[in-house]
């Protein structure tokens, strides 16, 4: 249980740090790029030795780390563009709805347990995701400018989030020789950092991005919980928690906790629908967890 709690706290910290970025006007892309570098340094501390060396290419986890590194940086850019085109609400819902992919994979590939309480819990989890993120609709005049590529972008946000969770579970249980292998995690961040720094340099040279030391430092702050979130996800899976149990509980708990923190400390308004969504999230956690007690 300690790994689940640690994962929830680390991932919720990421959400809160992003909230702080808007308060302090941090350039998010710059922070994201250097957060990957900071995460590698944390991995170095955890493993006791520098995790990036020539042997990583021969490791069985390398192809998966390579794919995830590419997804990490491209998914972030897709999410940013999706927020511009469709808004935060739809983007956030699609990200979390990727649970559908993760749960189906876990149930089929790993032949995980299924019960009435888990099914009801999953239904509550999906409803909670929608209701917690719900905002009153506004007149959107951008609809006419949305092309097929824009809708495919939204699908990529959904798909990439699910693929990340599926790969993490598969590598932890089927490929990695050790639980939460720091080398595997650091290679992911290394690939994302190299792609990100190249994109950042191009943006600075072309004048589209303005250099910000403040954003670099902000990235270092973000890198700590970012590494730990992946690390504790894999630790929880390695400890025997089913993916069809862990990921729904982890995701809805993050949403509920982040929403409550935003309400208390950032004075964000919650509608009755949002509050009901938080209650449903707690119900989902309870129902999905029944089988584990």
Foldseek 3Di string as FASTA:
>chain_A
DVLLVLLLVLVLVLVVLVVVCVVVVFDQLLLQLLLLVLLQVVLCVVVVHRLDDPCLVVAQLNVVLLVLLVLVQVLVVLLVVLCVQPNDLLLQLLLLVLLVLQLVCLCPVVVDDDDPLLVLLVVLLSLLSNLLSDDDDDDDPCVVVDDPVSVVSSVSNNVSSNSVSNSLLCCLPPGDPDFLNSSSLSSSSVSNNVVSVVVVVVCVVVVVDPDDPVSSVSSSVSNVSVSSSSSSSRVVSNVPDGSSLSSSLSVLSSSLVSSVCCCVPVVDDDDPSSVVSSVSSVSSNVSSCPVVD
